[in-house]
Amino acid sequence: MRIIVDAMGGDRAPQEIVKGAVRARKELGVDITLVGRIEEVKACLEGEELSNYELVDAREVITMEDDPSTATRRKMDSSMAVALTMLSQGKGDAVVSAGSTGALLTGATLTVKRIRGIRRAALAPVLPAGERGVMLIDCGANVECTAEYLLQFAYMGSYYAKKMLGCENPRVGLLNVGTEDTKGGELQHQAFALLREAAEQGRINFVGNIEGTGVFEGQADVVVTDGFTGNVLLKGAEGVIKYMMGALKGVFYKSGKNKLAAAVLKNDLKEMKKSLDVNEVGGTALVGISRPVIKAHGSSDAGSFFAAIRQAKAFVEADVVEDIKANIDYMRIRTESEANA
């Protein structure tokens, strides 16, 4: 298996990105292609056998200041654009990048393409909730959605959760302002009807509406929502976790007695912090793209990027894309002319 790495994407590129890729090659047994300014990449490989890596030169870098909707087209020689082109040409099995989320999504859509029949690709992070985590789909790729988009998100999220999270019959919940069937606006009403119909046909395990609190109580394995609402939930959760850990640290450093308690609980606190860290998953899958693309966190260090490559490897092995392709007919709303044909 070959993983194509955008070596210049992210706040700590290329040093931390390359270090994570080196670790992945050694521990995961994957072949690595590093795409970026070759002299900078080689400098990060000091002490490593260069022949163990495929190095592809790309002179441009997509920055956060670039327009994400045109970045990969305007900077065709950027590490991200070259990596995505290689994936589309079958020169690797997955791409991992810590670069601009918008540019990666747009580039993957235009270059690698969506799965035929999928209306929109979605960003689908796994939140640190429950025993296995909870997939949130979408979390920012599609600010405005139709009910059909949400239906497709539910199917795609179900296949991902089954293969990647180990959920035999993933519970799908529709994020809403209440649990009653009649809650929400027109989009939620329409999506609810489509999801319930799919459940009645035995195609997904739809458990109804869930509120934000229910997400972190583990009431569903897949939480379906539009990108605007999902992004607010995700960023809000990250903020609360940071605040909580900071407040907890303040409590333990408040007095000598508390510092002693902190010393006793040090390892347990580290485990708790790790369990709440969204970076531990490694990255966010771009679900709906025809080949695996993983968005690593922009501030990824070597450990986080290693985790993102590990996720990419599991994504390829799980073959979620083929599950989606095989069931695409159930994921589309037929037009009136198609229904009468």
C-alpha atoms as a PDB file:
ATOM      1  CA  MET A   1       0.000   0.000   0.000  1.00  0.00           C
ATOM      2  CA  ARG A   2       1.316   3.439  -0.935  1.00  0.00           C
ATOM      3  CA  ILE A   3       0.324   6.604   0.929  1.00  0.00           C
ATOM      4  CA  ILE A   4       0.919   9.916  -0.835  1.00  0.00           C
ATOM      5  CA  VAL A   5       1.869  12.642   1.643  1.00  0.00           C
ATOM      6  CA  ASP A   6       1.512  16.384   1.089  1.00  0.00           C
ATOM      7  CA  ALA A   7       4.801  17.190   2.805  1.00  0.00           C
ATOM      8  CA  MET A   8       4.368  20.982   2.675  1.00  0.00           C
ATOM      9  CA  GLY A   9       0.849  21.210   4.118  1.00  0.00           C
ATOM     10  CA  GLY A  10       0.270  22.256   7.718  1.00  0.00           C
ATOM     11  CA  ASP A  11       1.664  24.632  10.304  1.00  0.00           C
ATOM     12  CA  ARG A  12       4.661  22.408  11.105  1.00  0.00           C
ATOM     13  CA  ALA A  13       5.560  21.299   7.590  1.00  0.00           C
ATOM     14  CA  PRO A  14       7.731  19.798   6.382  1.00  0.00           C
ATOM     15  CA  GLN A  15       9.658  18.688   9.495  1.00  0.00           C
ATOM     16  CA  GLU A  16       6.826  17.176  11.558  1.00  0.00           C
ATOM     17  CA  ILE A  17       4.992  15.855   8.498  1.00  0.00           C
ATOM     18  CA  VAL A  18       8.072  13.977   7.291  1.00  0.00           C
ATOM     19  CA  LYS A  19       8.806  12.645  10.786  1.00  0.00           C
ATOM     20  CA  GLY A  20       5.265  11.266  11.007  1.00  0.00           C
ATOM     21  CA  ALA A  21       5.588   9.701   7.553  1.00  0.00           C
ATOM     22  CA  VAL A  22       8.925   8.088   8.457  1.00  0.00           C
ATOM     23  CA  ARG A  23       7.373   6.558  11.563  1.00  0.00           C
ATOM     24  CA  ALA A  24       4.414   5.302   9.517  1.00  0.00           C
ATOM     25  CA  ARG A  25       6.683   3.555   7.014  1.00  0.00           C
ATOM     26  CA  LYS A  26       8.554   1.805   9.821  1.00  0.00           C
ATOM     27  CA  GLU A  27       5.640   0.884  12.076  1.00  0.00           C
ATOM     28  CA  LEU A  28       2.764   0.411   9.633  1.00  0.00           C
ATOM     29  CA  GLY A  29       4.669  -1.135   6.747  1.00  0.00           C
ATOM     30  CA  VAL A  30       3.280   1.274   4.142  1.00  0.00           C
ATOM     31  CA  ASP A  31       5.166   2.726   1.204  1.00  0.00           C
ATOM     32  CA  ILE A  32       5.456   6.501   1.371  1.00  0.00           C
ATOM     33  CA  THR A  33       5.541   9.121  -1.376  1.00  0.00           C
ATOM     34  CA  LEU A  34       6.599  12.552  -0.120  1.00  0.00           C
ATOM     35  CA  VAL A  35       5.500  15.450  -2.311  1.00  0.00           C
ATOM     36  CA  GLY A  36       7.061  18.874  -1.793  1.00  0.00           C
ATOM     37  CA  ARG A  37      10.146  20.992  -2.268  1.00  0.00           C
ATOM     38  CA  ILE A  38      12.614  18.201  -2.626  1.00  0.00           C
ATOM     39  CA  GLU A  39      15.573  19.905  -0.973  1.00  0.00           C
ATOM     40  CA  GLU A  40      13.513  20.689   2.136  1.00  0.00           C
ATOM     41  CA  VAL A  41      12.078  17.175   2.272  1.00  0.00           C
ATOM     42  CA  LYS A  42      15.535  15.609   1.945  1.00  0.00           C
ATOM     43  CA  ALA A  43      16.819  17.792   4.768  1.00  0.00           C
ATOM     44  CA  CYS A  44      14.095  16.337   6.994  1.00  0.00           C
ATOM     45  CA  LEU A  45      15.165  12.812   6.025  1.00  0.00           C
ATOM     46  CA  GLU A  46      18.696  13.218   7.348  1.00  0.00           C
ATOM     47  CA  GLY A  47      19.873   9.861   8.670  1.00  0.00           C
ATOM     48  CA  GLU A  48      17.241   7.956   6.704  1.00  0.00           C
ATOM     49  CA  GLU A  49      17.857   5.804   3.632  1.00  0.00           C
ATOM     50  CA  LEU A  50      16.428   7.951   0.816  1.00  0.00           C
ATOM     51  CA  SER A  51      15.797   4.923  -1.371  1.00  0.00           C
ATOM     52  CA  ASN A  52      13.061   3.858   1.083  1.00  0.00           C
ATOM     53  CA  TYR A  53      10.931   6.824  -0.001  1.00  0.00           C
ATOM     54  CA  GLU A  54       9.578   8.095  -3.280  1.00  0.00           C
ATOM     55  CA  LEU A  55      10.291  11.827  -3.477  1.00  0.00           C
ATOM     56  CA  VAL A  56       8.288  13.985  -5.873  1.00  0.00           C
ATOM     57  CA  ASP A  57       9.293  17.613  -6.379  1.00  0.00           C
ATOM     58  CA  ALA A  58       6.565  20.264  -6.170  1.00  0.00           C
ATOM     59  CA  ARG A  59       7.709  23.878  -5.989  1.00  0.00           C
ATOM     60  CA  GLU A  60       4.557  25.676  -4.835  1.00  0.00           C
ATOM     61  CA  VAL A  61       2.804  25.659  -1.460  1.00  0.00           C
ATOM     62  CA  ILE A  62      -0.884  26.366  -0.830  1.00  0.00           C
ATOM     63  CA  THR A  63      -1.219  28.689   2.149  1.00  0.00           C
ATOM     64  CA  MET A  64      -4.180  29.711   4.295  1.00  0.00           C
ATOM     65  CA  GLU A  65      -4.217  33.029   2.413  1.00  0.00           C
ATOM     66  CA  ASP A  66      -4.979  31.290  -0.908  1.00  0.00           C
ATOM     67  CA  ASP A  67      -8.575  31.156  -2.102  1.00  0.00           C
ATOM     68  CA  PRO A  68      -9.561  27.537  -1.335  1.00  0.00           C
ATOM     69  CA  SER A  69     -11.965  27.365  -4.265  1.00  0.00           C
ATOM     70  CA  THR A  70      -9.216  28.018  -6.827  1.00  0.00           C
ATOM     71  CA  ALA A  71      -5.969  27.170  -5.006  1.00  0.00           C
ATOM     72  CA  THR A  72      -5.222  23.783  -6.568  1.00  0.00           C
ATOM     73  CA  ARG A  73      -6.076  25.044 -10.049  1.00  0.00           C
ATOM     74  CA  ARG A  74      -3.947  28.189  -9.749  1.00  0.00           C
ATOM     75  CA  LYS A  75      -1.068  26.363  -8.082  1.00  0.00           C
ATOM     76  CA  MET A  76      -0.859  23.223 -10.170  1.00  0.00           C
ATOM     77  CA  ASP A  77       2.734  22.650  -9.010  1.00  0.00           C
ATOM     78  CA  SER A  78       1.798  22.808  -5.327  1.00  0.00           C
ATOM     79  CA  SER A  79       2.424  19.789  -3.124  1.00  0.00           C
ATOM     80  CA  MET A  80      -1.312  19.351  -2.542  1.00  0.00           C
ATOM     81  CA  ALA A  81      -2.297  19.578  -6.209  1.00  0.00           C
ATOM     82  CA  VAL A  82       0.462  17.199  -7.310  1.00  0.00           C
ATOM     83  CA  ALA A  83      -0.444  14.690  -4.577  1.00  0.00           C
ATOM     84  CA  LEU A  84      -4.122  14.696  -5.595  1.00  0.00           C
ATOM     85  CA  THR A  85      -3.219  14.321  -9.272  1.00  0.00           C
ATOM     86  CA  MET A  86      -1.039  11.324  -8.459  1.00  0.00           C
ATOM     87  CA  LEU A  87      -3.915   9.739  -6.536  1.00  0.00           C
ATOM     88  CA  SER A  88      -6.291  10.284  -9.452  1.00  0.00           C
ATOM     89  CA  GLN A  89      -3.760   8.597 -11.755  1.00  0.00           C
ATOM     90  CA  GLY A  90      -3.533   5.525  -9.529  1.00  0.00           C
ATOM     91  CA  LYS A  91       0.002   6.263  -8.322  1.00  0.00           C
ATOM     92  CA  GLY A  92      -0.992   5.709  -4.707  1.00  0.00           C
ATOM     93  CA  ASP A  93      -3.816   4.377  -2.568  1.00  0.00           C
ATOM     94  CA  ALA A  94      -4.576   7.446  -0.440  1.00  0.00           C
ATOM     95  CA  VAL A  95      -3.560  11.064   0.127  1.00  0.00           C
ATOM     96  CA  VAL A  96      -2.932  12.608   3.541  1.00  0.00           C
ATOM     97  CA  SER A  97      -2.583  16.372   3.922  1.00  0.00           C
ATOM     98  CA  ALA A  98      -2.540  18.827   6.818  1.00  0.00           C
ATOM     99  CA  GLY A  99      -3.003  21.751   4.436  1.00  0.00           C
ATOM    100  CA  SER A 100      -5.989  24.028   3.880  1.00  0.00           C
ATOM    101  CA  THR A 101      -9.238  22.128   4.437  1.00  0.00           C
ATOM    102  CA  GLY A 102     -11.147  24.080   1.807  1.00  0.00           C
ATOM    103  CA  ALA A 103      -8.422  23.695  -0.802  1.00  0.00           C
ATOM    104  CA  LEU A 104      -8.109  19.962  -0.136  1.00  0.00           C
ATOM    105  CA  LEU A 105     -11.867  19.424  -0.399  1.00  0.00           C
ATOM    106  CA  THR A 106     -12.145  21.442  -3.594  1.00  0.00           C
ATOM    107  CA  GLY A 107      -9.040  19.857  -5.083  1.00  0.00           C
ATOM    108  CA  ALA A 108     -10.184  16.343  -4.237  1.00  0.00           C
ATOM    109  CA  THR A 109     -13.614  17.042  -5.741  1.00  0.00           C
ATOM    110  CA  LEU A 110     -12.216  18.470  -8.974  1.00  0.00           C
ATOM    111  CA  THR A 111      -9.204  16.184  -9.419  1.00  0.00           C
ATOM    112  CA  VAL A 112      -9.981  12.850  -7.759  1.00  0.00           C
ATOM    113  CA  LYS A 113     -13.750  13.352  -8.272  1.00  0.00           C
ATOM    114  CA  ARG A 114     -16.741  12.343  -6.203  1.00  0.00           C
ATOM    115  CA  ILE A 115     -18.153   8.838  -6.312  1.00  0.00           C
ATOM    116  CA  ARG A 116     -20.608   8.759  -9.196  1.00  0.00           C
ATOM    117  CA  GLY A 117     -24.074   9.598  -7.864  1.00  0.00           C
ATOM    118  CA  ILE A 118     -22.878  11.297  -4.676  1.00  0.00           C
ATOM    119  CA  ARG A 119     -24.108  14.892  -4.647  1.00  0.00           C
ATOM    120  CA  ARG A 120     -21.558  16.293  -2.211  1.00  0.00           C
ATOM    121  CA  ALA A 121     -18.495  14.987  -0.385  1.00  0.00           C
ATOM    122  CA  ALA A 122     -18.552  15.515   3.367  1.00  0.00           C
ATOM    123  CA  LEU A 123     -16.035  16.136   6.137  1.00  0.00           C
ATOM    124  CA  ALA A 124     -16.585  13.415   8.697  1.00  0.00           C
ATOM    125  CA  PRO A 125     -14.490  13.633  11.885  1.00  0.00           C
ATOM    126  CA  VAL A 126     -14.799  11.090  14.679  1.00  0.00           C
ATOM    127  CA  LEU A 127     -15.547  12.847  17.962  1.00  0.00           C
ATOM    128  CA  PRO A 128     -14.194  11.537  21.272  1.00  0.00           C
ATOM    129  CA  ALA A 129     -17.503  10.261  22.637  1.00  0.00           C
ATOM    130  CA  GLY A 130     -18.684   6.821  23.726  1.00  0.00           C
ATOM    131  CA  GLU A 131     -16.526   3.708  23.546  1.00  0.00           C
ATOM    132  CA  ARG A 132     -15.648   3.911  19.863  1.00  0.00           C
ATOM    133  CA  GLY A 133     -16.201   7.580  19.087  1.00  0.00           C
ATOM    134  CA  VAL A 134     -19.023   9.214  17.152  1.00  0.00           C
ATOM    135  CA  MET A 135     -18.842  10.211  13.496  1.00  0.00           C
ATOM    136  CA  LEU A 136     -20.121  13.725  12.737  1.00  0.00           C
ATOM    137  CA  ILE A 137     -21.103  14.184   9.105  1.00  0.00           C
ATOM    138  CA  ASP A 138     -20.899  16.958   7.810  1.00  0.00           C
ATOM    139  CA  CYS A 139     -18.724  19.380   9.794  1.00  0.00           C
ATOM    140  CA  GLY A 140     -18.124  22.192   7.336  1.00  0.00           C
ATOM    141  CA  ALA A 141     -17.890  21.094   3.714  1.00  0.00           C
ATOM    142  CA  ASN A 142     -21.518  21.907   2.879  1.00  0.00           C
ATOM    143  CA  VAL A 143     -22.910  24.918   4.703  1.00  0.00           C
ATOM    144  CA  GLU A 144     -26.193  24.661   2.811  1.00  0.00           C
ATOM    145  CA  CYS A 145     -27.656  21.203   2.363  1.00  0.00           C
ATOM    146  CA  THR A 146     -30.676  19.508   0.855  1.00  0.00           C
ATOM    147  CA  ALA A 147     -32.485  16.588   2.413  1.00  0.00           C
ATOM    148  CA  GLU A 148     -30.926  14.308  -0.202  1.00  0.00           C
ATOM    149  CA  TYR A 149     -27.434  15.367   0.919  1.00  0.00           C
ATOM    150  CA  LEU A 150     -28.291  14.426   4.503  1.00  0.00           C
ATOM    151  CA  LEU A 151     -29.689  11.086   3.364  1.00  0.00           C
ATOM    152  CA  GLN A 152     -26.442  10.337   1.543  1.00  0.00           C
ATOM    153  CA  PHE A 153     -24.413  11.456   4.570  1.00  0.00           C
ATOM    154  CA  ALA A 154     -26.344   8.953   6.677  1.00  0.00           C
ATOM    155  CA  TYR A 155     -25.578   6.071   4.318  1.00  0.00           C
ATOM    156  CA  MET A 156     -21.913   7.007   3.905  1.00  0.00           C
ATOM    157  CA  GLY A 157     -21.488   7.530   7.636  1.00  0.00           C
ATOM    158  CA  SER A 158     -23.061   4.130   8.320  1.00  0.00           C
ATOM    159  CA  TYR A 159     -20.653   2.310   6.027  1.00  0.00           C
ATOM    160  CA  TYR A 160     -17.705   4.171   7.549  1.00  0.00           C
ATOM    161  CA  ALA A 161     -18.803   3.481  11.145  1.00  0.00           C
ATOM    162  CA  LYS A 162     -19.341  -0.197  10.420  1.00  0.00           C
ATOM    163  CA  LYS A 163     -15.954  -0.727   8.793  1.00  0.00           C
ATOM    164  CA  MET A 164     -13.816   1.813  10.650  1.00  0.00           C
ATOM    165  CA  LEU A 165     -15.390   2.063  14.102  1.00  0.00           C
ATOM    166  CA  GLY A 166     -16.482  -1.552  14.424  1.00  0.00           C
ATOM    167  CA  CYS A 167     -20.206  -0.793  14.815  1.00  0.00           C
ATOM    168  CA  GLU A 168     -22.123  -3.833  13.579  1.00  0.00           C
ATOM    169  CA  ASN A 169     -25.373  -1.899  13.092  1.00  0.00           C
ATOM    170  CA  PRO A 170     -24.493   1.803  13.388  1.00  0.00           C
ATOM    171  CA  ARG A 171     -27.138   4.006  14.984  1.00  0.00           C
ATOM    172  CA  VAL A 172     -27.818   7.095  12.880  1.00  0.00           C
ATOM    173  CA  GLY A 173     -29.161  10.229  14.537  1.00  0.00           C
ATOM    174  CA  LEU A 174     -30.295  13.494  12.948  1.00  0.00           C
ATOM    175  CA  LEU A 175     -28.942  16.484  14.877  1.00  0.00           C
ATOM    176  CA  ASN A 176     -31.841  18.704  15.861  1.00  0.00           C
ATOM    177  CA  VAL A 177     -33.126  21.149  18.469  1.00  0.00           C
ATOM    178  CA  GLY A 178     -35.236  18.451  20.107  1.00  0.00           C
ATOM    179  CA  THR A 179     -35.859  14.727  19.985  1.00  0.00           C
ATOM    180  CA  GLU A 180     -39.511  14.885  18.922  1.00  0.00           C
ATOM    181  CA  ASP A 181     -40.274  13.891  15.331  1.00  0.00           C
ATOM    182  CA  THR A 182     -41.734  17.336  14.541  1.00  0.00           C
ATOM    183  CA  LYS A 183     -38.723  19.386  15.689  1.00  0.00           C
ATOM    184  CA  GLY A 184     -36.568  21.520  13.405  1.00  0.00           C
ATOM    185  CA  GLY A 185     -37.060  23.442  10.209  1.00  0.00           C
ATOM    186  CA  GLU A 186     -38.052  22.324   6.725  1.00  0.00           C
ATOM    187  CA  LEU A 187     -34.666  20.714   6.015  1.00  0.00           C
ATOM    188  CA  GLN A 188     -34.846  18.593   9.167  1.00  0.00           C
ATOM    189  CA  HIS A 189     -38.478  17.609   8.476  1.00  0.00           C
ATOM    190  CA  GLN A 190     -37.656  16.467   4.945  1.00  0.00           C
ATOM    191  CA  ALA A 191     -34.481  14.664   5.998  1.00  0.00           C
ATOM    192  CA  PHE A 192     -36.286  12.966   8.879  1.00  0.00           C
ATOM    193  CA  ALA A 193     -38.886  11.532   6.469  1.00  0.00           C
ATOM    194  CA  LEU A 194     -36.190  10.220   4.101  1.00  0.00           C
ATOM    195  CA  LEU A 195     -34.159   8.680   6.924  1.00  0.00           C
ATOM    196  CA  ARG A 196     -37.207   7.030   8.444  1.00  0.00           C
ATOM    197  CA  GLU A 197     -38.151   5.574   5.049  1.00  0.00           C
ATOM    198  CA  ALA A 198     -34.637   4.179   4.633  1.00  0.00           C
ATOM    199  CA  ALA A 199     -34.878   2.665   8.109  1.00  0.00           C
ATOM    200  CA  GLU A 200     -38.236   1.057   7.330  1.00  0.00           C
ATOM    201  CA  GLN A 201     -36.601  -0.549   4.291  1.00  0.00           C
ATOM    202  CA  GLY A 202     -33.908  -1.945   6.602  1.00  0.00           C
ATOM    203  CA  ARG A 203     -31.079  -0.045   4.948  1.00  0.00           C
ATOM    204  CA  ILE A 204     -29.931   2.118   7.862  1.00  0.00           C
ATOM    205  CA  ASN A 205     -30.497   2.053  11.611  1.00  0.00           C
ATOM    206  CA  PHE A 206     -32.120   5.474  12.072  1.00  0.00           C
ATOM    207  CA  VAL A 207     -32.799   6.252  15.747  1.00  0.00           C
ATOM    208  CA  GLY A 208     -34.447   9.634  15.206  1.00  0.00           C
ATOM    209  CA  ASN A 209     -33.554  13.165  16.217  1.00  0.00           C
ATOM    210  CA  ILE A 210     -30.879  13.793  18.819  1.00  0.00           C
ATOM    211  CA  GLU A 211     -29.818  16.972  20.577  1.00  0.00           C
ATOM    212  CA  GLY A 212     -26.261  18.197  21.026  1.00  0.00           C
ATOM    213  CA  THR A 213     -26.043  16.667  24.498  1.00  0.00           C
ATOM    214  CA  GLY A 214     -27.031  13.298  23.058  1.00  0.00           C
ATOM    215  CA  VAL A 215     -24.013  13.343  20.750  1.00  0.00           C
ATOM    216  CA  PHE A 216     -21.611  13.145  23.667  1.00  0.00           C
ATOM    217  CA  GLU A 217     -23.800  10.752  25.624  1.00  0.00           C
ATOM    218  CA  GLY A 218     -23.315   8.193  22.856  1.00  0.00           C
ATOM    219  CA  GLN A 219     -26.936   8.112  21.711  1.00  0.00           C
ATOM    220  CA  ALA A 220     -25.825   7.550  18.105  1.00  0.00           C
ATOM    221  CA  ASP A 221     -22.783   6.247  16.248  1.00  0.00           C
ATOM    222  CA  VAL A 222     -23.311   8.571  13.276  1.00  0.00           C
ATOM    223  CA  VAL A 223     -24.645  12.107  13.664  1.00  0.00           C
ATOM    224  CA  VAL A 224     -26.016  13.643  10.469  1.00  0.00           C
ATOM    225  CA  THR A 225     -26.267  17.395   9.988  1.00  0.00           C
ATOM    226  CA  ASP A 226     -25.539  20.249   7.604  1.00  0.00           C
ATOM    227  CA  GLY A 227     -21.992  21.585   7.505  1.00  0.00           C
ATOM    228  CA  PHE A 228     -22.799  24.866   9.243  1.00  0.00           C
ATOM    229  CA  THR A 229     -24.404  23.249  12.288  1.00  0.00           C
ATOM    230  CA  GLY A 230     -21.822  20.471  12.383  1.00  0.00           C
ATOM    231  CA  ASN A 231     -18.920  22.913  12.343  1.00  0.00           C
ATOM    232  CA  VAL A 232     -20.443  24.936  15.197  1.00  0.00           C
ATOM    233  CA  LEU A 233     -20.869  21.729  17.223  1.00  0.00           C
ATOM    234  CA  LEU A 234     -17.302  20.568  16.488  1.00  0.00           C
ATOM    235  CA  LYS A 235     -15.611  23.888  17.300  1.00  0.00           C
ATOM    236  CA  GLY A 236     -17.800  24.321  20.375  1.00  0.00           C
ATOM    237  CA  ALA A 237     -16.781  20.874  21.632  1.00  0.00           C
ATOM    238  CA  GLU A 238     -13.093  21.610  21.037  1.00  0.00           C
ATOM    239  CA  GLY A 239     -13.430  24.879  22.934  1.00  0.00           C
ATOM    240  CA  VAL A 240     -15.184  23.265  25.883  1.00  0.00           C
ATOM    241  CA  ILE A 241     -12.530  20.529  26.105  1.00  0.00           C
ATOM    242  CA  LYS A 242      -9.703  23.104  26.092  1.00  0.00           C
ATOM    243  CA  TYR A 243     -11.455  25.196  28.718  1.00  0.00           C
ATOM    244  CA  MET A 244     -12.171  22.170  30.899  1.00  0.00           C
ATOM    245  CA  MET A 245      -8.580  20.933  30.783  1.00  0.00           C
ATOM    246  CA  GLY A 246      -7.277  24.418  31.533  1.00  0.00           C
ATOM    247  CA  ALA A 247      -9.681  24.857  34.431  1.00  0.00           C
ATOM    248  CA  LEU A 248      -8.737  21.439  35.787  1.00  0.00           C
ATOM    249  CA  LYS A 249      -5.056  22.356  35.609  1.00  0.00           C
ATOM    250  CA  GLY A 250      -5.817  25.553  37.529  1.00  0.00           C
ATOM    251  CA  VAL A 251      -7.509  23.581  40.277  1.00  0.00           C
ATOM    252  CA  PHE A 252      -4.569  21.209  40.698  1.00  0.00           C
ATOM    253  CA  TYR A 253      -2.039  24.052  40.901  1.00  0.00           C
ATOM    254  CA  LYS A 254      -4.107  26.024  43.394  1.00  0.00           C
ATOM    255  CA  SER A 255      -2.389  24.698  46.521  1.00  0.00           C
ATOM    256  CA  GLY A 256       0.286  22.323  47.711  1.00  0.00           C
ATOM    257  CA  LYS A 257      -2.333  19.758  48.659  1.00  0.00           C
ATOM    258  CA  ASN A 258      -3.855  19.939  45.194  1.00  0.00           C
ATOM    259  CA  LYS A 259      -0.432  19.614  43.571  1.00  0.00           C
ATOM    260  CA  LEU A 260       0.126  16.442  45.535  1.00  0.00           C
ATOM    261  CA  ALA A 261      -3.203  15.101  44.308  1.00  0.00           C
ATOM    262  CA  ALA A 262      -2.206  16.018  40.748  1.00  0.00           C
ATOM    263  CA  ALA A 263       1.037  14.054  41.115  1.00  0.00           C
ATOM    264  CA  VAL A 264      -0.913  10.990  42.253  1.00  0.00           C
ATOM    265  CA  LEU A 265      -3.375  11.322  39.365  1.00  0.00           C
ATOM    266  CA  LYS A 266      -0.824  12.340  36.714  1.00  0.00           C
ATOM    267  CA  ASN A 267      -1.054   9.227  34.553  1.00  0.00           C
ATOM    268  CA  ASP A 268      -4.854   9.091  34.785  1.00  0.00           C
ATOM    269  CA  LEU A 269      -5.101  12.753  33.808  1.00  0.00           C
ATOM    270  CA  LYS A 270      -2.860  12.136  30.794  1.00  0.00           C
ATOM    271  CA  GLU A 271      -5.103   9.279  29.679  1.00  0.00           C
ATOM    272  CA  MET A 272      -8.190  11.448  30.101  1.00  0.00           C
ATOM    273  CA  LYS A 273      -6.635  14.269  28.097  1.00  0.00           C
ATOM    274  CA  LYS A 274      -5.640  11.800  25.382  1.00  0.00           C
ATOM    275  CA  SER A 275      -9.162  10.362  25.222  1.00  0.00           C
ATOM    276  CA  LEU A 276     -10.604  13.859  24.682  1.00  0.00           C
ATOM    277  CA  ASP A 277      -8.064  14.918  22.063  1.00  0.00           C
ATOM    278  CA  VAL A 278      -9.621  15.052  18.593  1.00  0.00           C
ATOM    279  CA  ASN A 279      -6.091  14.831  17.137  1.00  0.00           C
ATOM    280  CA  GLU A 280      -5.682  11.301  18.500  1.00  0.00           C
ATOM    281  CA  VAL A 281      -7.902  10.000  15.683  1.00  0.00           C
ATOM    282  CA  GLY A 282      -5.413  11.560  13.309  1.00  0.00           C
ATOM    283  CA  GLY A 283      -7.593  13.264  10.767  1.00  0.00           C
ATOM    284  CA  THR A 284     -10.905  13.755   9.066  1.00  0.00           C
ATOM    285  CA  ALA A 285     -12.031  11.576   6.186  1.00  0.00           C
ATOM    286  CA  LEU A 286     -13.362  13.242   3.046  1.00  0.00           C
ATOM    287  CA  VAL A 287     -16.235  10.818   2.579  1.00  0.00           C
ATOM    288  CA  GLY A 288     -17.773  10.634  -0.879  1.00  0.00           C
ATOM    289  CA  ILE A 289     -14.525  11.127  -2.825  1.00  0.00           C
ATOM    290  CA  SER A 290     -13.764   8.259  -5.205  1.00  0.00           C
ATOM    291  CA  ARG A 291     -10.446   7.436  -3.531  1.00  0.00           C
ATOM    292  CA  PRO A 292      -9.364   7.851   0.118  1.00  0.00           C
ATOM    293  CA  VAL A 293      -8.337  11.373   1.146  1.00  0.00           C
ATOM    294  CA  ILE A 294      -7.588  12.225   4.782  1.00  0.00           C
ATOM    295  CA  LYS A 295      -7.342  15.761   6.147  1.00  0.00           C
ATOM    296  CA  ALA A 296      -4.898  15.865   9.057  1.00  0.00           C
ATOM    297  CA  HIS A 297      -5.169  18.641  11.618  1.00  0.00           C
ATOM    298  CA  GLY A 298      -3.415  21.827  10.492  1.00  0.00           C
ATOM    299  CA  SER A 299      -1.277  21.924  13.632  1.00  0.00           C
ATOM    300  CA  SER A 300      -0.331  18.244  13.433  1.00  0.00           C
ATOM    301  CA  ASP A 301       2.939  17.202  15.018  1.00  0.00           C
ATOM    302  CA  ALA A 302       4.687  13.972  14.007  1.00  0.00           C
ATOM    303  CA  GLY A 303       2.495  11.854  16.273  1.00  0.00           C
ATOM    304  CA  SER A 304      -0.773  13.322  14.987  1.00  0.00           C
ATOM    305  CA  PHE A 305       0.328  12.969  11.376  1.00  0.00           C
ATOM    306  CA  PHE A 306       1.356   9.376  11.994  1.00  0.00           C
ATOM    307  CA  ALA A 307      -2.165   8.767  13.322  1.00  0.00           C
ATOM    308  CA  ALA A 308      -3.612  10.344  10.158  1.00  0.00           C
ATOM    309  CA  ILE A 309      -1.589   7.955   7.971  1.00  0.00           C
ATOM    310  CA  ARG A 310      -2.726   5.066  10.145  1.00  0.00           C
ATOM    311  CA  GLN A 311      -6.310   6.182   9.550  1.00  0.00           C
ATOM    312  CA  ALA A 312      -5.680   6.383   5.796  1.00  0.00           C
ATOM    313  CA  LYS A 313      -4.300   2.843   5.805  1.00  0.00           C
ATOM    314  CA  ALA A 314      -7.372   1.563   7.657  1.00  0.00           C
ATOM    315  CA  PHE A 315      -9.646   3.486   5.258  1.00  0.00           C
ATOM    316  CA  VAL A 316      -8.043   1.804   2.250  1.00  0.00           C
ATOM    317  CA  GLU A 317      -8.208  -1.647   3.843  1.00  0.00           C
ATOM    318  CA  ALA A 318     -11.855  -1.209   4.879  1.00  0.00           C
ATOM    319  CA  ASP A 319     -12.823  -0.424   1.257  1.00  0.00           C
ATOM    320  CA  VAL A 320     -15.604   1.962   2.342  1.00  0.00           C
ATOM    321  CA  VAL A 321     -15.613   3.552  -1.109  1.00  0.00           C
ATOM    322  CA  GLU A 322     -16.726   0.272  -2.688  1.00  0.00           C
ATOM    323  CA  ASP A 323     -19.550  -0.089  -0.148  1.00  0.00           C
ATOM    324  CA  ILE A 324     -20.822   3.344  -1.137  1.00  0.00           C
ATOM    325  CA  LYS A 325     -20.550   2.562  -4.858  1.00  0.00           C
ATOM    326  CA  ALA A 326     -22.432  -0.725  -4.436  1.00  0.00           C
ATOM    327  CA  ASN A 327     -25.382   0.981  -2.721  1.00  0.00           C
ATOM    328  CA  ILE A 328     -25.588   4.235  -4.628  1.00  0.00           C
ATOM    329  CA  ASP A 329     -29.032   3.458  -6.089  1.00  0.00           C
ATOM    330  CA  TYR A 330     -30.563   3.524  -2.597  1.00  0.00           C
ATOM    331  CA  MET A 331     -28.916   6.861  -1.812  1.00  0.00           C
ATOM    332  CA  ARG A 332     -30.507   8.935  -4.536  1.00  0.00           C
ATOM    333  CA  ILE A 333     -33.883  10.616  -4.709  1.00  0.00           C
ATOM    334  CA  ARG A 334     -35.297   9.726  -8.085  1.00  0.00           C
ATOM    335  CA  THR A 335     -36.802  12.492 -10.198  1.00  0.00           C
ATOM    336  CA  GLU A 336     -40.402  12.200 -11.268  1.00  0.00           C
ATOM    337  CA  SER A 337     -39.350  11.210 -14.807  1.00  0.00           C
ATOM    338  CA  GLU A 338     -37.045   8.489 -13.445  1.00  0.00           C
ATOM    339  CA  ALA A 339     -39.761   7.145 -11.159  1.00  0.00           C
ATOM    340  CA  ASN A 340     -42.228   6.892 -14.056  1.00  0.00           C
ATOM    341  CA  ALA A 341     -39.727   5.356 -16.460  1.00  0.00           C
END
